[in-house]
Amino acid sequence: MHISLTPELESRIKAKVESGLYNNASEVVREALRFMDAHEDWIHEIKLACLREQLQTGVDQLKKGQGVRVQSRKELDDLFSALQGEPHP
């Protein structure tokens, strides 16, 4: 596999190897990829937690009778437009 890097990225990888923390550039790249995977997993968990919190807020509002009854497709479209900040047709 051949990978092209900017001079800045190549310099950063060389610095990591020269620091003694890594034996070679491949170790640096492997560690960076592992970190990226962990970061993506962390972001996914944060998004899920936020969604769960928003869903719970909605459930709580429904229990308090604060829901909005939608009886037609047009009312639903208007509601979504309002939520997205779009003008009503």
PDB file of N, CA and C in Angstrom:
ATOM      1  N   MET A   1       0.852  -1.166   0.000  1.00  0.00           N
ATOM      2  CA  MET A   1       0.000   0.000   0.000  1.00  0.00           C
ATOM      3  C   MET A   1       0.902   1.235   0.000  1.00  0.00           C
ATOM      4  N   HIS A   2       0.516   2.190  -0.802  1.00  0.00           N
ATOM      5  CA  HIS A   2       1.266   3.437  -0.870  1.00  0.00           C
ATOM      6  C   HIS A   2       0.356   4.568  -0.393  1.00  0.00           C
ATOM      7  N   ILE A   3       0.878   5.379   0.526  1.00  0.00           N
ATOM      8  CA  ILE A   3       0.101   6.477   1.063  1.00  0.00           C
ATOM      9  C   ILE A   3       0.876   7.774   0.859  1.00  0.00           C
ATOM     10  N   SER A   4       0.190   8.785   0.345  1.00  0.00           N
ATOM     11  CA  SER A   4       0.811  10.091   0.165  1.00  0.00           C
ATOM     12  C   SER A   4       0.438  10.976   1.344  1.00  0.00           C
ATOM     13  N   LEU A   5       1.433  11.634   1.922  1.00  0.00           N
ATOM     14  CA  LEU A   5       1.212  12.526   3.042  1.00  0.00           C
ATOM     15  C   LEU A   5       1.739  13.915   2.714  1.00  0.00           C
ATOM     16  N   THR A   6       1.127  14.903   3.333  1.00  0.00           N
ATOM     17  CA  THR A   6       1.664  16.249   3.190  1.00  0.00           C
ATOM     18  C   THR A   6       2.997  16.307   3.941  1.00  0.00           C
ATOM     19  N   PRO A   7       3.852  17.239   3.589  1.00  0.00           N
ATOM     20  CA  PRO A   7       5.122  17.367   4.319  1.00  0.00           C
ATOM     21  C   PRO A   7       4.915  17.568   5.826  1.00  0.00           C
ATOM     22  N   GLU A   8       3.859  18.302   6.198  1.00  0.00           N
ATOM     23  CA  GLU A   8       3.588  18.522   7.618  1.00  0.00           C
ATOM     24  C   GLU A   8       3.263  17.215   8.330  1.00  0.00           C
ATOM     25  N   LEU A   9       2.397  16.393   7.715  1.00  0.00           N
ATOM     26  CA  LEU A   9       2.046  15.113   8.343  1.00  0.00           C
ATOM     27  C   LEU A   9       3.251  14.187   8.408  1.00  0.00           C
ATOM     28  N   GLU A  10       4.027  14.165   7.362  1.00  0.00           N
ATOM     29  CA  GLU A  10       5.225  13.334   7.364  1.00  0.00           C
ATOM     30  C   GLU A  10       6.175  13.779   8.472  1.00  0.00           C
ATOM     31  N   SER A  11       6.316  15.074   8.656  1.00  0.00           N
ATOM     32  CA  SER A  11       7.168  15.608   9.713  1.00  0.00           C
ATOM     33  C   SER A  11       6.653  15.220  11.096  1.00  0.00           C
ATOM     34  N   ARG A  12       5.342  15.261  11.260  1.00  0.00           N
ATOM     35  CA  ARG A  12       4.753  14.890  12.547  1.00  0.00           C
ATOM     36  C   ARG A  12       4.983  13.416  12.852  1.00  0.00           C
ATOM     37  N   ILE A  13       4.872  12.572  11.853  1.00  0.00           N
ATOM     38  CA  ILE A  13       5.110  11.141  12.050  1.00  0.00           C
ATOM     39  C   ILE A  13       6.571  10.906  12.410  1.00  0.00           C
ATOM     40  N   LYS A  14       7.472  11.551  11.683  1.00  0.00           N
ATOM     41  CA  LYS A  14       8.913  11.413  11.980  1.00  0.00           C
ATOM     42  C   LYS A  14       9.212  11.869  13.399  1.00  0.00           C
ATOM     43  N   ALA A  15       8.589  12.954  13.836  1.00  0.00           N
ATOM     44  CA  ALA A  15       8.812  13.453  15.195  1.00  0.00           C
ATOM     45  C   ALA A  15       8.362  12.435  16.233  1.00  0.00           C
ATOM     46  N   LYS A  16       7.237  11.774  15.979  1.00  0.00           N
ATOM     47  CA  LYS A  16       6.752  10.744  16.909  1.00  0.00           C
ATOM     48  C   LYS A  16       7.745   9.587  17.014  1.00  0.00           C
ATOM     49  N   VAL A  17       8.283   9.172  15.874  1.00  0.00           N
ATOM     50  CA  VAL A  17       9.264   8.082  15.879  1.00  0.00           C
ATOM     51  C   VAL A  17      10.529   8.541  16.599  1.00  0.00           C
ATOM     52  N   GLU A  18      10.989   9.748  16.308  1.00  0.00           N
ATOM     53  CA  GLU A  18      12.211  10.271  16.925  1.00  0.00           C
ATOM     54  C   GLU A  18      12.056  10.478  18.430  1.00  0.00           C
ATOM     55  N   SER A  19      10.816  10.639  18.896  1.00  0.00           N
ATOM     56  CA  SER A  19      10.587  10.811  20.336  1.00  0.00           C
ATOM     57  C   SER A  19      10.869   9.528  21.108  1.00  0.00           C
ATOM     58  N   GLY A  20      10.902   8.407  20.392  1.00  0.00           N
ATOM     59  CA  GLY A  20      11.153   7.128  21.033  1.00  0.00           C
ATOM     60  C   GLY A  20       9.888   6.394  21.449  1.00  0.00           C
ATOM     61  N   LEU A  21       8.740   7.033  21.286  1.00  0.00           N
ATOM     62  CA  LEU A  21       7.493   6.376  21.667  1.00  0.00           C
ATOM     63  C   LEU A  21       7.084   5.290  20.678  1.00  0.00           C
ATOM     64  N   TYR A  22       7.553   5.413  19.448  1.00  0.00           N
ATOM     65  CA  TYR A  22       7.218   4.457  18.395  1.00  0.00           C
ATOM     66  C   TYR A  22       8.508   4.004  17.715  1.00  0.00           C
ATOM     67  N   ASN A  23       8.502   2.753  17.249  1.00  0.00           N
ATOM     68  CA  ASN A  23       9.687   2.210  16.574  1.00  0.00           C
ATOM     69  C   ASN A  23       9.773   2.624  15.113  1.00  0.00           C
ATOM     70  N   ASN A  24       8.602   2.886  14.505  1.00  0.00           N
ATOM     71  CA  ASN A  24       8.605   3.241  13.083  1.00  0.00           C
ATOM     72  C   ASN A  24       7.302   3.958  12.719  1.00  0.00           C
ATOM     73  N   ALA A  25       7.255   4.442  11.491  1.00  0.00           N
ATOM     74  CA  ALA A  25       6.094   5.200  11.018  1.00  0.00           C
ATOM     75  C   ALA A  25       4.833   4.348  11.011  1.00  0.00           C
ATOM     76  N   SER A  26       4.955   3.060  10.709  1.00  0.00           N
ATOM     77  CA  SER A  26       3.778   2.189  10.677  1.00  0.00           C
ATOM     78  C   SER A  26       3.089   2.126  12.033  1.00  0.00           C
ATOM     79  N   GLU A  27       3.886   2.090  13.108  1.00  0.00           N
ATOM     80  CA  GLU A  27       3.292   2.072  14.446  1.00  0.00           C
ATOM     81  C   GLU A  27       2.523   3.361  14.728  1.00  0.00           C
ATOM     82  N   VAL A  28       3.074   4.482  14.280  1.00  0.00           N
ATOM     83  CA  VAL A  28       2.406   5.764  14.477  1.00  0.00           C
ATOM     84  C   VAL A  28       1.060   5.764  13.752  1.00  0.00           C
ATOM     85  N   VAL A  29       1.058   5.313  12.510  1.00  0.00           N
ATOM     86  CA  VAL A  29      -0.176   5.309  11.716  1.00  0.00           C
ATOM     87  C   VAL A  29      -1.190   4.341  12.308  1.00  0.00           C
ATOM     88  N   ARG A  30      -0.746   3.170  12.734  1.00  0.00           N
ATOM     89  CA  ARG A  30      -1.669   2.203  13.351  1.00  0.00           C
ATOM     90  C   ARG A  30      -2.300   2.782  14.612  1.00  0.00           C
ATOM     91  N   GLU A  31      -1.475   3.438  15.443  1.00  0.00           N
ATOM     92  CA  GLU A  31      -2.006   4.048  16.663  1.00  0.00           C
ATOM     93  C   GLU A  31      -2.990   5.166  16.340  1.00  0.00           C
ATOM     94  N   ALA A  32      -2.694   5.952  15.324  1.00  0.00           N
ATOM     95  CA  ALA A  32      -3.603   7.032  14.913  1.00  0.00           C
ATOM     96  C   ALA A  32      -4.936   6.463  14.444  1.00  0.00           C
ATOM     97  N   LEU A  33      -4.899   5.356  13.711  1.00  0.00           N
ATOM     98  CA  LEU A  33      -6.133   4.740  13.241  1.00  0.00           C
ATOM     99  C   LEU A  33      -6.938   4.154  14.397  1.00  0.00           C
ATOM    100  N   ARG A  34      -6.255   3.561  15.376  1.00  0.00           N
ATOM    101  CA  ARG A  34      -6.956   3.043  16.555  1.00  0.00           C
ATOM    102  C   ARG A  34      -7.615   4.193  17.311  1.00  0.00           C
ATOM    103  N   PHE A  35      -6.886   5.308  17.433  1.00  0.00           N
ATOM    104  CA  PHE A  35      -7.441   6.475  18.109  1.00  0.00           C
ATOM    105  C   PHE A  35      -8.658   6.999  17.357  1.00  0.00           C
ATOM    106  N   MET A  36      -8.578   7.041  16.042  1.00  0.00           N
ATOM    107  CA  MET A  36      -9.691   7.517  15.222  1.00  0.00           C
ATOM    108  C   MET A  36     -10.918   6.631  15.430  1.00  0.00           C
ATOM    109  N   ASP A  37     -10.721   5.318  15.457  1.00  0.00           N
ATOM    110  CA  ASP A  37     -11.844   4.397  15.695  1.00  0.00           C
ATOM    111  C   ASP A  37     -12.473   4.644  17.062  1.00  0.00           C
ATOM    112  N   ALA A  38     -11.637   4.811  18.088  1.00  0.00           N
ATOM    113  CA  ALA A  38     -12.143   5.050  19.435  1.00  0.00           C
ATOM    114  C   ALA A  38     -12.896   6.377  19.488  1.00  0.00           C
ATOM    115  N   HIS A  39     -12.372   7.382  18.814  1.00  0.00           N
ATOM    116  CA  HIS A  39     -13.017   8.696  18.788  1.00  0.00           C
ATOM    117  C   HIS A  39     -14.379   8.603  18.113  1.00  0.00           C
ATOM    118  N   GLU A  40     -14.455   7.887  16.997  1.00  0.00           N
ATOM    119  CA  GLU A  40     -15.735   7.726  16.295  1.00  0.00           C
ATOM    120  C   GLU A  40     -16.750   7.006  17.176  1.00  0.00           C
ATOM    121  N   ASP A  41     -16.295   5.980  17.904  1.00  0.00           N
ATOM    122  CA  ASP A  41     -17.186   5.259  18.813  1.00  0.00           C
ATOM    123  C   ASP A  41     -17.688   6.192  19.918  1.00  0.00           C
ATOM    124  N   TRP A  42     -16.804   7.025  20.437  1.00  0.00           N
ATOM    125  CA  TRP A  42     -17.155   7.965  21.494  1.00  0.00           C
ATOM    126  C   TRP A  42     -18.192   8.967  20.994  1.00  0.00           C
ATOM    127  N   ILE A  43     -17.986   9.507  19.800  1.00  0.00           N
ATOM    128  CA  ILE A  43     -18.929  10.461  19.212  1.00  0.00           C
ATOM    129  C   ILE A  43     -20.287   9.787  19.003  1.00  0.00           C
ATOM    130  N   HIS A  44     -20.273   8.554  18.524  1.00  0.00           N
ATOM    131  CA  HIS A  44     -21.521   7.803  18.324  1.00  0.00           C
ATOM    132  C   HIS A  44     -22.280   7.660  19.644  1.00  0.00           C
ATOM    133  N   GLU A  45     -21.567   7.328  20.716  1.00  0.00           N
ATOM    134  CA  GLU A  45     -22.217   7.171  22.023  1.00  0.00           C
ATOM    135  C   GLU A  45     -22.790   8.495  22.526  1.00  0.00           C
ATOM    136  N   ILE A  46     -22.080   9.592  22.281  1.00  0.00           N
ATOM    137  CA  ILE A  46     -22.583  10.913  22.686  1.00  0.00           C
ATOM    138  C   ILE A  46     -23.863  11.248  21.924  1.00  0.00           C
ATOM    139  N   LYS A  47     -23.857  10.982  20.619  1.00  0.00           N
ATOM    140  CA  LYS A  47     -25.049  11.254  19.814  1.00  0.00           C
ATOM    141  C   LYS A  47     -26.233  10.414  20.286  1.00  0.00           C
ATOM    142  N   LEU A  48     -25.984   9.148  20.604  1.00  0.00           N
ATOM    143  CA  LEU A  48     -27.060   8.292  21.106  1.00  0.00           C
ATOM    144  C   LEU A  48     -27.598   8.803  22.442  1.00  0.00           C
ATOM    145  N   ALA A  49     -26.707   9.236  23.322  1.00  0.00           N
ATOM    146  CA  ALA A  49     -27.137   9.755  24.617  1.00  0.00           C
ATOM    147  C   ALA A  49     -27.999  11.004  24.437  1.00  0.00           C
ATOM    148  N   CYS A  50     -27.604  11.882  23.518  1.00  0.00           N
ATOM    149  CA  CYS A  50     -28.393  13.094  23.252  1.00  0.00           C
ATOM    150  C   CYS A  50     -29.761  12.737  22.680  1.00  0.00           C
ATOM    151  N   LEU A  51     -29.793  11.779  21.768  1.00  0.00           N
ATOM    152  CA  LEU A  51     -31.057  11.358  21.180  1.00  0.00           C
ATOM    153  C   LEU A  51     -31.969  10.754  22.240  1.00  0.00           C
ATOM    154  N   ARG A  52     -31.397   9.917  23.109  1.00  0.00           N
ATOM    155  CA  ARG A  52     -32.204   9.324  24.183  1.00  0.00           C
ATOM    156  C   ARG A  52     -32.772  10.411  25.101  1.00  0.00           C
ATOM    157  N   GLU A  53     -31.958  11.429  25.393  1.00  0.00           N
ATOM    158  CA  GLU A  53     -32.415  12.529  26.234  1.00  0.00           C
ATOM    159  C   GLU A  53     -33.552  13.299  25.562  1.00  0.00           C
ATOM    160  N   GLN A  54     -33.424  13.548  24.275  1.00  0.00           N
ATOM    161  CA  GLN A  54     -34.477  14.254  23.545  1.00  0.00           C
ATOM    162  C   GLN A  54     -35.748  13.422  23.473  1.00  0.00           C
ATOM    163  N   LEU A  55     -35.605  12.130  23.265  1.00  0.00           N
ATOM    164  CA  LEU A  55     -36.775  11.252  23.243  1.00  0.00           C
ATOM    165  C   LEU A  55     -37.473  11.245  24.595  1.00  0.00           C
ATOM    166  N   GLN A  56     -36.691  11.204  25.672  1.00  0.00           N
ATOM    167  CA  GLN A  56     -37.288  11.205  27.010  1.00  0.00           C
ATOM    168  C   GLN A  56     -38.022  12.512  27.259  1.00  0.00           C
ATOM    169  N   THR A  57     -37.458  13.626  26.794  1.00  0.00           N
ATOM    170  CA  THR A  57     -38.134  14.919  26.918  1.00  0.00           C
ATOM    171  C   THR A  57     -39.476  14.878  26.208  1.00  0.00           C
ATOM    172  N   GLY A  58     -39.500  14.302  25.009  1.00  0.00           N
ATOM    173  CA  GLY A  58     -40.750  14.184  24.259  1.00  0.00           C
ATOM    174  C   GLY A  58     -41.760  13.303  24.964  1.00  0.00           C
ATOM    175  N   VAL A  59     -41.316  12.194  25.499  1.00  0.00           N
ATOM    176  CA  VAL A  59     -42.210  11.294  26.238  1.00  0.00           C
ATOM    177  C   VAL A  59     -42.779  12.013  27.457  1.00  0.00           C
ATOM    178  N   ASP A  60     -41.915  12.736  28.176  1.00  0.00           N
ATOM    179  CA  ASP A  60     -42.380  13.478  29.347  1.00  0.00           C
ATOM    180  C   ASP A  60     -43.413  14.527  28.958  1.00  0.00           C
ATOM    181  N   GLN A  61     -43.182  15.217  27.847  1.00  0.00           N
ATOM    182  CA  GLN A  61     -44.143  16.226  27.382  1.00  0.00           C
ATOM    183  C   GLN A  61     -45.478  15.584  27.013  1.00  0.00           C
ATOM    184  N   LEU A  62     -45.421  14.423  26.356  1.00  0.00           N
ATOM    185  CA  LEU A  62     -46.664  13.726  26.006  1.00  0.00           C
ATOM    186  C   LEU A  62     -47.444  13.328  27.252  1.00  0.00           C
ATOM    187  N   LYS A  63     -46.726  12.859  28.282  1.00  0.00           N
ATOM    188  CA  LYS A  63     -47.383  12.464  29.525  1.00  0.00           C
ATOM    189  C   LYS A  63     -48.063  13.648  30.201  1.00  0.00           C
ATOM    190  N   LYS A  64     -47.536  14.851  29.973  1.00  0.00           N
ATOM    191  CA  LYS A  64     -48.118  16.066  30.560  1.00  0.00           C
ATOM    192  C   LYS A  64     -49.194  16.666  29.661  1.00  0.00           C
ATOM    193  N   GLY A  65     -49.501  15.987  28.554  1.00  0.00           N
ATOM    194  CA  GLY A  65     -50.517  16.489  27.640  1.00  0.00           C
ATOM    195  C   GLY A  65     -50.041  17.635  26.768  1.00  0.00           C
ATOM    196  N   GLN A  66     -48.739  17.755  26.583  1.00  0.00           N
ATOM    197  CA  GLN A  66     -48.172  18.846  25.801  1.00  0.00           C
ATOM    198  C   GLN A  66     -47.883  18.446  24.352  1.00  0.00           C
ATOM    199  N   GLY A  67     -48.461  17.357  23.923  1.00  0.00           N
ATOM    200  CA  GLY A  67     -48.240  16.903  22.557  1.00  0.00           C
ATOM    201  C   GLY A  67     -49.050  17.705  21.556  1.00  0.00           C
ATOM    202  N   VAL A  68     -48.717  17.514  20.294  1.00  0.00           N
ATOM    203  CA  VAL A  68     -49.440  18.172  19.204  1.00  0.00           C
ATOM    204  C   VAL A  68     -50.112  17.086  18.380  1.00  0.00           C
ATOM    205  N   ARG A  69     -51.416  17.185  18.220  1.00  0.00           N
ATOM    206  CA  ARG A  69     -52.143  16.200  17.420  1.00  0.00           C
ATOM    207  C   ARG A  69     -52.081  16.613  15.955  1.00  0.00           C
ATOM    208  N   VAL A  70     -51.635  15.696  15.129  1.00  0.00           N
ATOM    209  CA  VAL A  70     -51.544  15.939  13.687  1.00  0.00           C
ATOM    210  C   VAL A  70     -52.528  15.007  13.005  1.00  0.00           C
ATOM    211  N   GLN A  71     -53.450  15.578  12.208  1.00  0.00           N
ATOM    212  CA  GLN A  71     -54.506  14.761  11.630  1.00  0.00           C
ATOM    213  C   GLN A  71     -54.444  14.669  10.111  1.00  0.00           C
ATOM    214  N   SER A  72     -53.527  15.391   9.498  1.00  0.00           N
ATOM    215  CA  SER A  72     -53.448  15.301   8.035  1.00  0.00           C
ATOM    216  C   SER A  72     -51.986  15.403   7.598  1.00  0.00           C
ATOM    217  N   ARG A  73     -51.745  15.006   6.374  1.00  0.00           N
ATOM    218  CA  ARG A  73     -50.402  15.084   5.808  1.00  0.00           C
ATOM    219  C   ARG A  73     -49.925  16.541   5.748  1.00  0.00           C
ATOM    220  N   LYS A  74     -50.839  17.456   5.411  1.00  0.00           N
ATOM    221  CA  LYS A  74     -50.477  18.879   5.336  1.00  0.00           C
ATOM    222  C   LYS A  74     -50.071  19.399   6.707  1.00  0.00           C
ATOM    223  N   GLU A  75     -50.799  19.028   7.751  1.00  0.00           N
ATOM    224  CA  GLU A  75     -50.435  19.460   9.102  1.00  0.00           C
ATOM    225  C   GLU A  75     -49.061  18.931   9.487  1.00  0.00           C
ATOM    226  N   LEU A  76     -48.779  17.696   9.089  1.00  0.00           N
ATOM    227  CA  LEU A  76     -47.470  17.099   9.371  1.00  0.00           C
ATOM    228  C   LEU A  76     -46.373  17.840   8.620  1.00  0.00           C
ATOM    229  N   ASP A  77     -46.606  18.127   7.341  1.00  0.00           N
ATOM    230  CA  ASP A  77     -45.628  18.875   6.547  1.00  0.00           C
ATOM    231  C   ASP A  77     -45.393  20.258   7.144  1.00  0.00           C
ATOM    232  N   ASP A  78     -46.474  20.918   7.571  1.00  0.00           N
ATOM    233  CA  ASP A  78     -46.359  22.248   8.180  1.00  0.00           C
ATOM    234  C   ASP A  78     -45.566  22.178   9.484  1.00  0.00           C
ATOM    235  N   LEU A  79     -45.810  21.145  10.267  1.00  0.00           N
ATOM    236  CA  LEU A  79     -45.101  20.984  11.528  1.00  0.00           C
ATOM    237  C   LEU A  79     -43.606  20.807  11.280  1.00  0.00           C
ATOM    238  N   PHE A  80     -43.252  19.934  10.329  1.00  0.00           N
ATOM    239  CA  PHE A  80     -41.831  19.718  10.020  1.00  0.00           C
ATOM    240  C   PHE A  80     -41.189  20.985   9.461  1.00  0.00           C
ATOM    241  N   SER A  81     -41.927  21.719   8.653  1.00  0.00           N
ATOM    242  CA  SER A  81     -41.399  22.979   8.129  1.00  0.00           C
ATOM    243  C   SER A  81     -41.133  23.957   9.272  1.00  0.00           C
ATOM    244  N   ALA A  82     -42.051  24.024  10.209  1.00  0.00           N
ATOM    245  CA  ALA A  82     -41.879  24.924  11.361  1.00  0.00           C
ATOM    246  C   ALA A  82     -40.673  24.510  12.199  1.00  0.00           C
ATOM    247  N   LEU A  83     -40.501  23.222  12.389  1.00  0.00           N
ATOM    248  CA  LEU A  83     -39.368  22.732  13.181  1.00  0.00           C
ATOM    249  C   LEU A  83     -38.038  23.035  12.505  1.00  0.00           C
ATOM    250  N   GLN A  84     -38.035  23.038  11.180  1.00  0.00           N
ATOM    251  CA  GLN A  84     -36.818  23.311  10.421  1.00  0.00           C
ATOM    252  C   GLN A  84     -36.628  24.796  10.150  1.00  0.00           C
ATOM    253  N   GLY A  85     -37.572  25.606  10.616  1.00  0.00           N
ATOM    254  CA  GLY A  85     -37.465  27.038  10.422  1.00  0.00           C
ATOM    255  C   GLY A  85     -37.801  27.508   9.030  1.00  0.00           C
ATOM    256  N   GLU A  86     -38.539  26.688   8.282  1.00  0.00           N
ATOM    257  CA  GLU A  86     -38.925  27.040   6.930  1.00  0.00           C
ATOM    258  C   GLU A  86     -40.264  27.766   6.962  1.00  0.00           C
ATOM    259  N   PRO A  87     -40.497  28.668   6.016  1.00  0.00           N
ATOM    260  CA  PRO A  87     -41.806  29.336   5.959  1.00  0.00           C
ATOM    261  C   PRO A  87     -42.893  28.356   5.545  1.00  0.00           C
ATOM    262  N   HIS A  88     -44.099  28.598   6.033  1.00  0.00           N
ATOM    263  CA  HIS A  88     -45.237  27.736   5.659  1.00  0.00           C
ATOM    264  C   HIS A  88     -45.681  28.073   4.245  1.00  0.00           C
ATOM    265  N   PRO A  89     -46.003  27.032   3.440  1.00  0.00           N
ATOM    266  CA  PRO A  89     -46.456  27.294   2.059  1.00  0.00           C
ATOM    267  C   PRO A  89     -47.839  27.921   2.025  1.00  0.00           C
TER     268      PRO A  89
END
